[in-house]
Protein backbone atom coordinates (compact mmCIF):
# COMPACT_ATOMS: atom_id res chain seq x y z
CA MET A 1 0.00 0.00 0.00
CA THR A 2 1.18 3.54 -0.74
CA TRP A 3 1.18 5.83 2.27
CA ILE A 4 3.05 8.84 0.84
CA TYR A 5 2.28 11.02 -2.19
CA PRO A 6 4.51 13.65 -3.83
CA LEU A 7 3.44 17.28 -4.08
CA THR A 8 3.52 17.16 -7.85
CA PRO A 9 0.93 17.98 -10.54
CA GLY A 10 0.49 14.31 -11.41
CA THR A 11 -0.76 13.24 -7.99
CA GLY A 12 -4.45 12.55 -8.45
CA GLU A 13 -5.75 11.37 -5.07
CA SER A 14 -8.72 13.17 -3.51
CA ALA A 15 -8.76 15.53 -0.54
CA ASP A 16 -10.09 12.63 1.54
CA ILE A 17 -6.64 11.03 1.16
CA LEU A 18 -4.38 14.08 0.80
CA GLY A 19 -6.23 16.39 3.19
CA GLY A 20 -7.43 19.83 2.15
CA LYS A 21 -3.98 21.39 2.51
CA GLY A 22 -2.17 18.76 0.46
CA HIS A 23 -4.86 18.74 -2.21
CA GLY A 24 -4.72 22.54 -2.44
CA LEU A 25 -0.92 22.55 -2.76
CA ILE A 26 -1.09 20.12 -5.67
CA THR A 27 -3.71 22.37 -7.31
CA LEU A 28 -1.31 25.28 -6.92
CA ARG A 29 1.45 23.23 -8.58
CA ARG A 30 -0.86 22.37 -11.50
CA LEU A 31 -1.57 26.06 -11.98
CA GLY A 32 2.16 26.73 -12.17
CA LEU A 33 2.30 28.67 -8.91
CA PRO A 34 5.36 28.41 -6.62
CA VAL A 35 5.06 25.81 -3.85
CA PRO A 36 7.98 24.54 -1.71
CA PRO A 37 8.78 20.93 -2.68
CA GLY A 38 7.57 18.19 -0.39
CA PHE A 39 5.24 15.25 0.08
CA VAL A 40 2.02 14.22 1.84
CA ILE A 41 1.49 11.34 4.25
CA GLY A 42 -2.12 10.41 3.56
CA THR A 43 -4.98 10.14 6.03
CA PRO A 44 -5.03 6.30 5.90
CA ALA A 45 -1.61 6.28 7.61
CA CYS A 46 -2.98 8.44 10.42
CA ARG A 47 -6.00 6.20 10.91
CA ALA A 48 -3.74 3.13 11.02
CA PHE A 49 -1.43 4.84 13.54
CA LEU A 50 -4.32 5.86 15.80
CA ARG A 51 -5.79 2.34 15.62
CA ASP A 52 -2.56 0.37 16.21
CA GLY A 53 -0.42 2.86 18.15
CA ARG A 54 2.46 2.58 15.67
CA PHE A 55 3.39 3.49 12.11
CA PRO A 56 1.80 1.10 9.59
CA ASP A 57 4.14 -1.36 7.88
CA GLY A 58 6.06 0.27 5.07
CA LEU A 59 5.61 3.89 6.16
CA GLU A 60 9.15 4.30 7.53
CA THR A 61 10.64 2.95 4.30
CA GLU A 62 8.50 5.29 2.19
CA LEU A 63 9.38 8.20 4.48
CA ALA A 64 13.12 7.60 4.02
CA ALA A 65 12.68 7.43 0.24
CA ALA A 66 10.58 10.62 0.19
CA VAL A 67 13.26 12.50 2.15
CA ARG A 68 15.97 11.31 -0.27
CA THR A 69 13.85 12.58 -3.17
CA LEU A 70 13.42 15.91 -1.40
CA GLU A 71 17.20 16.12 -0.87
CA ASN A 72 17.78 15.48 -4.57
CA THR A 73 15.16 18.07 -5.57
CA THR A 74 16.55 20.81 -3.34
CA GLY A 75 20.23 19.88 -3.58
CA ARG A 76 20.45 20.01 0.22
CA ARG A 77 21.04 17.42 2.88
CA PHE A 78 18.47 16.79 5.61
CA GLY A 79 19.88 17.02 9.13
CA SER A 80 23.12 18.77 8.21
CA GLY A 81 22.07 22.01 9.86
CA GLY A 82 23.81 21.81 13.19
CA GLY A 83 21.81 24.84 14.23
CA ARG A 84 22.68 26.92 11.13
CA ARG A 85 19.61 28.48 9.53
CA PHE A 86 21.01 30.59 6.75
CA GLY A 87 24.13 29.17 5.23
CA SER A 88 25.28 30.27 1.82
CA GLY A 89 25.36 28.39 -1.49
CA GLY A 90 25.62 24.65 -1.13
CA GLY A 91 26.19 24.94 2.61
CA ARG A 92 22.57 25.70 3.32
CA PRO A 93 20.95 22.67 5.04
CA LEU A 94 17.56 21.13 4.24
CA ALA A 95 15.02 21.96 6.92
CA VAL A 96 11.38 20.89 6.70
CA SER A 97 7.99 21.87 8.08
CA VAL A 98 5.63 19.14 9.30
CA ARG A 99 2.01 20.31 9.25
CA SER A 100 -1.39 18.75 9.71
CA GLY A 101 -3.98 18.83 6.92
CA ALA A 102 -7.37 17.24 7.46
CA ALA A 103 -9.89 16.86 4.65
CA VAL A 104 -12.09 19.43 6.44
CA SER A 105 -10.47 22.65 7.58
CA MET A 106 -9.66 22.73 11.32
CA PRO A 107 -7.66 25.98 11.61
CA GLY A 108 -4.93 25.75 14.23
CA MET A 109 -6.47 22.79 16.03
CA MET A 110 -3.60 20.35 15.45
CA ASP A 111 0.15 20.56 15.91
CA THR A 112 2.76 21.94 13.53
CA VAL A 113 6.53 21.46 13.72
CA LEU A 114 8.76 23.96 11.91
CA ASN A 115 12.49 24.15 11.20
CA LEU A 116 12.96 20.39 11.57
CA GLY A 117 16.48 19.47 10.56
CA LEU A 118 17.98 22.58 12.11
CA THR A 119 17.39 22.22 15.82
CA THR A 120 16.77 19.49 18.36
CA GLU A 121 14.39 21.70 20.28
CA ALA A 122 11.66 21.51 17.66
CA THR A 123 10.15 18.27 18.86
CA ALA A 124 11.67 18.06 22.35
CA THR A 125 11.63 14.30 22.03
CA VAL A 126 13.88 11.53 20.92
CA PRO A 127 17.00 10.96 19.12
CA ASP A 128 19.52 13.42 17.80
CA ASP A 129 19.31 11.98 14.28
CA ALA A 130 17.17 13.96 11.86
CA MET A 131 15.07 11.00 10.67
CA GLY A 132 14.28 10.12 14.27
CA ARG A 133 13.08 13.65 14.86
CA LEU A 134 10.99 13.53 11.66
CA HIS A 135 9.34 10.31 12.86
CA ALA A 136 8.60 12.00 16.19
CA ALA A 137 7.15 15.07 14.47
CA VAL A 138 4.83 12.91 12.33
CA ARG A 139 3.68 11.02 15.43
CA THR A 140 3.08 14.38 17.17
CA VAL A 141 0.83 15.58 14.35
CA PHE A 142 -1.04 12.25 14.14
CA THR A 143 -1.61 12.25 17.90
CA SER A 144 -2.86 15.85 17.93
CA TRP A 145 -5.96 14.63 16.04
CA HIS A 146 -7.22 13.48 19.45
CA SER A 147 -6.16 16.60 21.39
CA PRO A 148 -8.99 18.15 23.45
CA ARG A 149 -9.07 21.30 21.29
CA ALA A 150 -9.31 19.31 18.04
CA THR A 151 -11.99 17.04 19.49
CA THR A 152 -14.00 20.04 20.71
CA TYR A 153 -13.71 21.74 17.32
CA ARG A 154 -14.97 18.63 15.50
CA GLU A 155 -17.91 18.30 17.86
CA LEU A 156 -18.86 21.95 17.40
CA ASN A 157 -18.69 21.69 13.63
CA GLY A 158 -20.12 18.22 13.08
CA ILE A 159 -16.87 16.77 11.72
CA PRO A 160 -16.59 12.96 12.09
CA HIS A 161 -13.96 11.81 14.60
CA ASP A 162 -12.69 8.93 12.45
CA LEU A 163 -11.34 10.86 9.44
CA GLY A 164 -7.77 11.38 10.68
CA THR A 165 -5.37 13.94 9.29
CA ALA A 166 -2.84 13.95 6.49
CA VAL A 167 0.65 15.29 7.21
CA VAL A 168 2.33 17.71 4.81
CA VAL A 169 6.15 17.70 4.86
CA GLN A 170 7.80 20.50 2.86
CA ALA A 171 11.16 22.18 2.51
CA MET A 172 11.16 25.23 4.77
CA VAL A 173 11.04 28.72 3.32
CA PHE A 174 11.93 31.50 5.72
CA GLY A 175 9.96 34.70 6.14
CA ASP A 176 12.54 35.92 8.64
CA ARG A 177 15.55 35.45 6.37
CA ASP A 178 16.26 39.13 5.56
CA GLU A 179 14.66 42.54 4.96
CA HIS A 180 13.00 41.28 1.77
CA SER A 181 11.28 38.40 3.55
CA GLY A 182 7.97 38.03 5.33
CA THR A 183 4.71 36.11 5.54
CA GLY A 184 0.98 36.65 5.39
CA VAL A 185 -2.57 35.58 4.64
CA ALA A 186 -4.43 36.99 1.63
CA PHE A 187 -8.08 36.80 0.58
CA SER A 188 -9.09 37.48 -3.01
CA ARG A 189 -12.06 39.50 -1.64
CA ASP A 190 -12.82 41.12 1.70
CA PRO A 191 -14.12 38.22 3.86
CA ASN A 192 -16.40 40.58 5.81
CA THR A 193 -17.95 42.64 3.00
CA GLY A 194 -17.23 40.75 -0.23
CA ASP A 195 -15.58 43.84 -1.72
CA LYS A 196 -13.53 42.75 -4.73
CA ALA A 197 -10.06 43.74 -3.58
CA PRO A 198 -7.18 41.75 -2.07
CA PHE A 199 -7.51 41.72 1.71
CA GLY A 200 -5.41 40.28 4.52
CA ASP A 201 -2.38 40.65 6.72
CA VAL A 202 1.37 40.70 6.23
CA LEU A 203 4.25 40.51 8.69
CA PHE A 204 7.69 41.52 7.49
CA GLY A 205 10.67 39.55 8.75
CA ARG A 206 8.60 36.88 10.48
CA GLN A 207 7.39 33.31 9.98
CA GLY A 208 3.83 32.29 9.16
CA ASP A 209 2.91 31.09 12.62
CA ASP A 210 3.32 34.66 13.90
CA VAL A 211 0.38 35.79 11.72
CA VAL A 212 -2.14 33.04 12.35
CA SER A 213 -1.42 32.82 16.09
CA GLY A 214 -2.41 36.45 16.60
CA ARG A 215 0.55 36.98 18.96
CA SER A 216 1.77 39.73 16.65
CA THR A 217 -0.23 42.52 15.10
CA PRO A 218 0.44 42.43 11.35
CA ASP A 219 0.29 45.21 8.78
CA PRO A 220 -2.57 45.44 6.28
CA LEU A 221 -1.83 43.43 3.15
CA SER A 222 -1.68 46.63 1.11
CA GLU A 223 1.66 47.45 2.81
CA LEU A 224 3.17 44.73 0.65
CA ALA A 225 2.54 46.81 -2.49
CA ALA A 226 4.77 49.59 -1.20
CA ARG A 227 7.58 47.53 0.30
CA GLU A 228 7.78 44.56 -2.08
CA PRO A 229 5.99 45.57 -5.31
CA ALA A 230 7.18 42.55 -7.30
CA VAL A 231 5.85 40.15 -4.66
CA TRP A 232 2.59 42.11 -4.51
CA GLU A 233 2.04 41.94 -8.26
CA GLN A 234 2.70 38.19 -8.30
CA LEU A 235 0.36 37.65 -5.35
CA VAL A 236 -2.51 39.65 -6.88
CA ALA A 237 -2.13 37.84 -10.20
CA ALA A 238 -2.21 34.48 -8.39
CA LEU A 239 -5.38 35.40 -6.46
CA HIS A 240 -7.05 36.32 -9.75
CA GLN A 241 -5.92 33.02 -11.30
CA LEU A 242 -7.17 31.03 -8.30
CA GLU A 243 -10.60 32.68 -8.40
CA ARG A 244 -10.91 31.64 -12.04
CA HIS A 245 -9.91 28.11 -11.18
CA TYR A 246 -12.16 27.63 -8.13
CA ARG A 247 -14.93 29.92 -9.49
CA ASP A 248 -15.12 31.28 -5.97
CA ALA A 249 -13.37 33.67 -3.63
CA CYS A 250 -10.35 32.06 -2.02
CA HIS A 251 -7.58 32.72 0.46
CA VAL A 252 -3.93 31.73 0.63
CA GLU A 253 -1.13 31.57 3.17
CA PHE A 254 2.17 32.74 1.73
CA THR A 255 5.79 33.42 2.60
CA PHE A 256 8.30 35.46 0.62
CA GLU A 257 11.98 34.79 1.13
CA THR A 258 14.51 37.26 -0.25
CA GLY A 259 11.87 38.56 -2.65
CA ALA A 260 10.73 35.11 -3.86
CA LEU A 261 7.04 34.29 -3.27
CA TRP A 262 5.92 30.83 -2.09
CA PHE A 263 2.40 29.55 -1.41
CA LEU A 264 1.81 27.36 1.64
CA GLN A 265 -1.95 26.85 1.48
CA VAL A 266 -5.04 27.69 -0.56
CA ARG A 267 -8.71 27.26 0.24
CA PRO A 268 -11.89 28.54 -1.44
CA GLY A 269 -14.55 30.35 0.62
CA GLY A 270 -13.99 31.47 4.21
CA LEU A 271 -16.37 34.45 3.93
CA THR A 272 -18.99 35.73 6.34
CA GLY A 273 -22.68 35.65 5.40
CA ARG A 274 -22.92 39.14 3.88
CA ALA A 275 -19.68 38.67 1.97
CA ALA A 276 -20.69 35.22 0.72
CA LEU A 277 -24.00 36.59 -0.58
CA ARG A 278 -22.39 39.57 -2.33
CA THR A 279 -19.64 37.37 -3.80
CA ALA A 280 -22.18 34.89 -5.21
CA VAL A 281 -24.02 37.72 -7.00
CA ASP A 282 -20.79 39.36 -8.22
CA LEU A 283 -19.38 36.07 -9.55
CA ALA A 284 -22.60 35.55 -11.50
CA ASP A 285 -22.25 39.05 -12.94
CA GLU A 286 -18.67 38.20 -13.90
CA HIS A 287 -19.96 35.01 -15.63
CA LEU A 288 -17.76 32.77 -13.48
CA ILE A 289 -20.88 31.00 -12.20
CA ASP A 290 -24.49 31.00 -13.34
CA ARG A 291 -27.42 32.35 -11.34
CA ARG A 292 -28.55 28.86 -10.27
CA THR A 293 -25.11 28.27 -8.72
CA ALA A 294 -25.24 31.66 -7.03
CA VAL A 295 -28.59 30.84 -5.41
CA ARG A 296 -27.37 27.37 -4.41
CA ARG A 297 -24.30 28.82 -2.66
CA VAL A 298 -26.35 31.08 -0.37
CA SER A 299 -27.83 29.43 2.72
CA ALA A 300 -30.47 30.54 5.22
CA ARG A 301 -27.60 31.20 7.64
CA HIS A 302 -26.04 33.57 5.10
CA LEU A 303 -29.35 35.43 4.79
CA GLN A 304 -29.56 35.84 8.55
CA ALA A 305 -25.98 37.08 8.75
CA ALA A 306 -26.49 39.49 5.84
CA ARG A 307 -28.89 41.54 7.93
CA THR A 308 -26.06 42.52 10.21
CA PRO A 309 -26.87 45.06 12.93
CA ARG A 310 -24.47 47.83 13.99
CA ILE A 311 -23.91 49.69 17.24
CA ASP A 312 -25.56 53.12 17.16
CA THR A 313 -22.50 55.28 17.91
CA GLY A 314 -24.56 58.36 18.77
CA ASP A 315 -24.14 60.53 21.86
CA GLU A 316 -25.94 58.04 24.11
CA THR A 317 -23.35 55.31 23.54
CA ASP A 318 -20.39 54.99 25.94
CA LEU A 319 -17.75 53.96 23.43
CA LEU A 320 -14.77 52.40 25.22
CA THR A 321 -12.41 51.84 22.28
CA ARG A 322 -12.28 50.67 18.71
CA GLY A 323 -10.29 47.82 17.14
CA ARG A 324 -10.66 46.08 13.79
CA GLY A 325 -13.83 44.24 12.90
CA ALA A 326 -13.02 40.57 12.25
CA CYS A 327 -16.48 38.97 12.05
CA PRO A 328 -19.62 41.09 11.58
CA GLY A 329 -22.41 41.23 14.14
CA VAL A 330 -23.29 42.94 17.41
CA VAL A 331 -23.42 41.06 20.68
CA SER A 332 -23.64 42.03 24.35
CA GLY A 333 -22.23 40.01 27.21
CA ARG A 334 -20.25 40.05 30.42
CA ILE A 335 -16.47 40.24 30.24
CA ALA A 336 -14.55 36.98 30.79
CA VAL A 337 -10.75 37.28 30.81
CA THR A 338 -9.87 33.59 30.44
CA ALA A 339 -11.28 30.72 28.43
CA ASP A 340 -12.08 28.78 31.63
CA GLN A 341 -13.91 31.80 33.03
CA ALA A 342 -15.91 32.16 29.81
CA ALA A 343 -16.93 28.52 29.90
CA HIS A 344 -18.01 28.84 33.55
CA MET A 345 -19.84 32.18 33.23
CA ALA A 346 -21.68 31.22 30.04
CA ALA A 347 -24.05 29.04 32.05
CA ASP A 348 -25.58 32.26 33.44
CA GLY A 349 -25.83 34.25 30.23
CA PRO A 350 -23.84 35.60 27.29
CA VAL A 351 -20.17 36.42 27.83
CA ILE A 352 -17.55 38.20 25.72
CA LEU A 353 -14.14 36.55 25.86
CA VAL A 354 -11.56 39.38 26.10
CA ARG A 355 -7.96 38.29 25.60
CA PRO A 356 -4.62 39.65 24.34
CA ASP A 357 -4.89 36.91 21.70
CA THR A 358 -6.29 33.39 21.50
CA SER A 359 -4.80 29.99 20.78
CA PRO A 360 -6.24 26.54 20.16
CA LEU A 361 -6.05 26.02 23.94
CA ASP A 362 -8.84 28.62 24.27
CA MET A 363 -11.20 26.59 22.08
CA HIS A 364 -13.64 25.75 24.90
CA GLY A 365 -13.88 29.42 25.87
CA LEU A 366 -14.41 30.52 22.28
CA ALA A 367 -17.14 27.93 21.93
CA ALA A 368 -18.90 29.12 25.10
CA ALA A 369 -18.56 32.86 24.43
CA ALA A 370 -21.05 34.89 22.40
CA GLY A 371 -18.23 37.03 20.97
CA VAL A 372 -14.51 37.68 21.28
CA ALA A 373 -12.29 40.76 21.51
CA THR A 374 -8.48 40.77 21.44
CA SER A 375 -5.89 43.49 21.84
CA ARG A 376 -3.51 41.92 19.31
CA GLY A 377 -3.71 40.09 16.01
CA GLY A 378 -5.35 40.90 12.71
CA PRO A 379 -8.37 39.75 10.68
CA THR A 380 -6.56 36.51 9.82
CA SER A 381 -5.47 35.68 13.39
CA HIS A 382 -6.63 32.57 15.23
CA ALA A 383 -9.40 34.47 17.06
CA ALA A 384 -10.72 35.95 13.82
CA VAL A 385 -10.64 32.70 11.84
CA VAL A 386 -12.37 30.69 14.56
CA ALA A 387 -14.98 33.40 15.16
CA ARG A 388 -15.86 33.50 11.46
CA ALA A 389 -16.09 29.72 11.37
CA MET A 390 -18.52 29.87 14.29
CA GLY A 391 -20.41 32.95 13.05
CA LYS A 392 -19.62 34.90 16.23
CA PRO A 393 -18.90 38.66 16.27
CA ALA A 394 -15.21 39.43 16.80
CA VAL A 395 -13.05 42.50 17.27
CA VAL A 396 -9.25 42.22 17.05
CA ASP A 397 -6.31 44.62 17.35
CA ALA A 398 -8.03 46.74 20.03
CA ALA A 399 -4.64 48.07 21.09
CA ALA A 400 -5.98 50.27 23.92
CA LEU A 401 -7.26 47.20 25.72
CA THR A 402 -5.11 45.50 28.39
CA VAL A 403 -6.13 42.21 29.98
CA ASP A 404 -4.96 41.49 33.55
CA THR A 405 -5.98 37.94 34.41
CA ALA A 406 -4.31 38.08 37.86
CA ALA A 407 -6.39 41.12 38.84
CA ASP A 408 -9.42 39.74 36.99
CA HIS A 409 -10.08 42.90 35.04
CA VAL A 410 -9.63 44.70 31.74
CA ARG A 411 -8.09 48.18 31.47
CA ILE A 412 -9.02 50.53 28.65
CA GLY A 413 -7.20 53.81 29.06
CA GLU A 414 -7.89 54.99 32.62
CA ARG A 415 -10.96 52.82 33.03
CA LEU A 416 -10.94 49.50 34.85
CA LEU A 417 -13.60 46.99 33.90
CA PRO A 418 -13.84 44.00 36.28
CA ALA A 419 -14.69 40.60 34.86
CA GLY A 420 -18.46 40.39 34.66
CA THR A 421 -18.91 43.96 33.35
CA LEU A 422 -21.50 44.15 30.58
CA ILE A 423 -20.05 45.32 27.24
CA THR A 424 -21.13 45.22 23.61
CA ILE A 425 -18.89 44.58 20.60
CA ASP A 426 -19.52 45.36 16.92
CA GLY A 427 -17.61 42.99 14.65
CA THR A 428 -18.15 45.17 11.59
CA GLY A 429 -16.76 48.51 12.74
CA GLY A 430 -14.64 47.16 15.61
CA GLU A 431 -16.39 49.23 18.31
CA ILE A 432 -16.41 48.12 21.96
CA ALA A 433 -19.02 49.91 24.10
CA LEU A 434 -19.98 49.82 27.76
CA GLY A 435 -23.35 48.31 28.62
CA LYS A 436 -25.96 47.57 26.00
CA PRO A 437 -26.28 50.48 23.54
CA SER A 438 -28.90 50.92 20.86
CA ILE A 439 -28.33 49.09 17.61
CA THR A 440 -29.38 49.81 14.05
CA THR A 441 -30.05 47.40 11.21
CA GLU A 442 -29.42 48.28 7.60
CA THR A 443 -32.30 46.99 5.52
CA ALA A 444 -31.34 48.06 1.98
CA ASP A 445 -29.11 45.51 0.26
CA THR A 446 -29.13 45.47 -3.52
CA HIS A 447 -27.19 42.19 -3.69
CA LEU A 448 -29.75 40.48 -1.46
CA ASP A 449 -32.62 41.90 -3.50
CA ARG A 450 -31.11 40.64 -6.76
CA LEU A 451 -30.37 37.17 -5.38
CA LEU A 452 -33.93 36.80 -4.09
CA THR A 453 -35.27 37.87 -7.49
CA TRP A 454 -33.21 35.07 -9.07
CA ALA A 455 -34.57 32.70 -6.41
CA ASP A 456 -38.17 33.65 -7.34
CA GLU A 457 -37.41 33.06 -11.02
CA LEU A 458 -36.18 29.56 -10.17
CA SER A 459 -39.14 28.69 -7.93
CA GLY A 460 -41.74 30.40 -10.14
CA ASP A 461 -43.33 31.92 -7.03
CA HIS A 462 -43.32 35.73 -7.00
CA SER A 463 -45.62 36.22 -4.00
CA GLN A 464 -44.70 38.31 -0.98
CA ARG A 465 -42.95 36.03 1.52
CA PRO A 466 -40.02 36.16 3.98
CA ALA A 467 -36.58 35.97 2.38
CA GLU A 468 -35.88 32.55 3.92
CA ALA A 469 -39.05 31.11 2.35
CA ARG A 470 -38.11 32.52 -1.08
CA LEU A 471 -34.63 30.99 -0.88
CA SER A 472 -35.92 27.66 0.44
CA ALA A 473 -38.42 27.38 -2.44
CA ALA A 474 -35.63 27.96 -4.96
CA HIS A 475 -33.35 25.41 -3.28
CA ALA A 476 -36.14 22.84 -3.54
CA ARG A 477 -36.06 23.26 -7.33
CA LEU A 478 -32.27 22.93 -7.67
């Protein structure tokens, strides 16, 4: 049986075998876009490991052969680093990343090991030899399928527990190599509004984990145009090409090393309800999809989210601060300053989880909270991605906000807000207000009106009915 598949255009297995990340990387290769060389350990190997508690027969042999192929492709030797990251010429060692990649996206829920082949600290386990550390890293990723945060995420999102994860092993590219290096996440359209313009975050001189963790506050993606125009032009062209391929909005993770752009992941979708609705209509106007497909792509949940309320920021509202909106919606709740506190307090009513940033370890608190606000991170940080996946309002990068878990309070400027204080957050404009202010709801939406007209044409029913009924009738005909 074959356990390992190369990241090459000829690999034809499905995402069920390769995982979404591996499948996407092969799509990128087929489109001629730059992807670091590597290979994928398929999901069947993970399921066998979790069932038997050991690598399946033949996997170690295939792993050794795949590493030799990677050495030949890159002209570098795995495990020759001795702690050196940036050698010159032929002296540069081969280092690899070892990342999870389930068939269904589970952002940040499983483990990742970077820089393997350079340091012994990466896995904090086993032997000094590089292959031994690679085996340990693969076992770490396999085992993280059953971590509490991953299990909780699957239960919240209805993902079966028996799928297992693929493991993507690739030659490292370094966003922290020099002043012309960096990393980021880019959407082909604004994931909150659907506006047709590249949107995302970029961090100069850092590695990818710094963006998605939210521990660092990145720059807007547009900064890339000014500082690295060649990388920007290549990125924008690739986003356009990917939209044509997927016939949908999409987002990528990327790293640029010494001015050379590399793609590390691509996925279609990832938009909020209002953005998904607008994008469906716009793609039909652009003749990338037909109107039937546009109607099919919009769900009742999207309709509900499209009627997004906003905080009324008039004189009566006690506005505490403003960050960046990361998932639209307005929600009121009591402040919780830790994930455990949020999970406990949620039994007595809505809570807002307020943190410097979030990590997969906060998954239970994010699940319990009605909304989340962070002082760091951008719209592609862990908090933002998870909030959008759960449809919960989120505000990030509220820099004036300081969380003191020891004192059990939040400071905003000179004001101290003890845990339990009622606040309201607006995930569109990024406002954080004291108490429960008035809200407004925008009713006019030309994209919604047009989509519902298409829905009526499909159903043949043009009577006055609620929007959900009009969409449901059209879906019944598709």
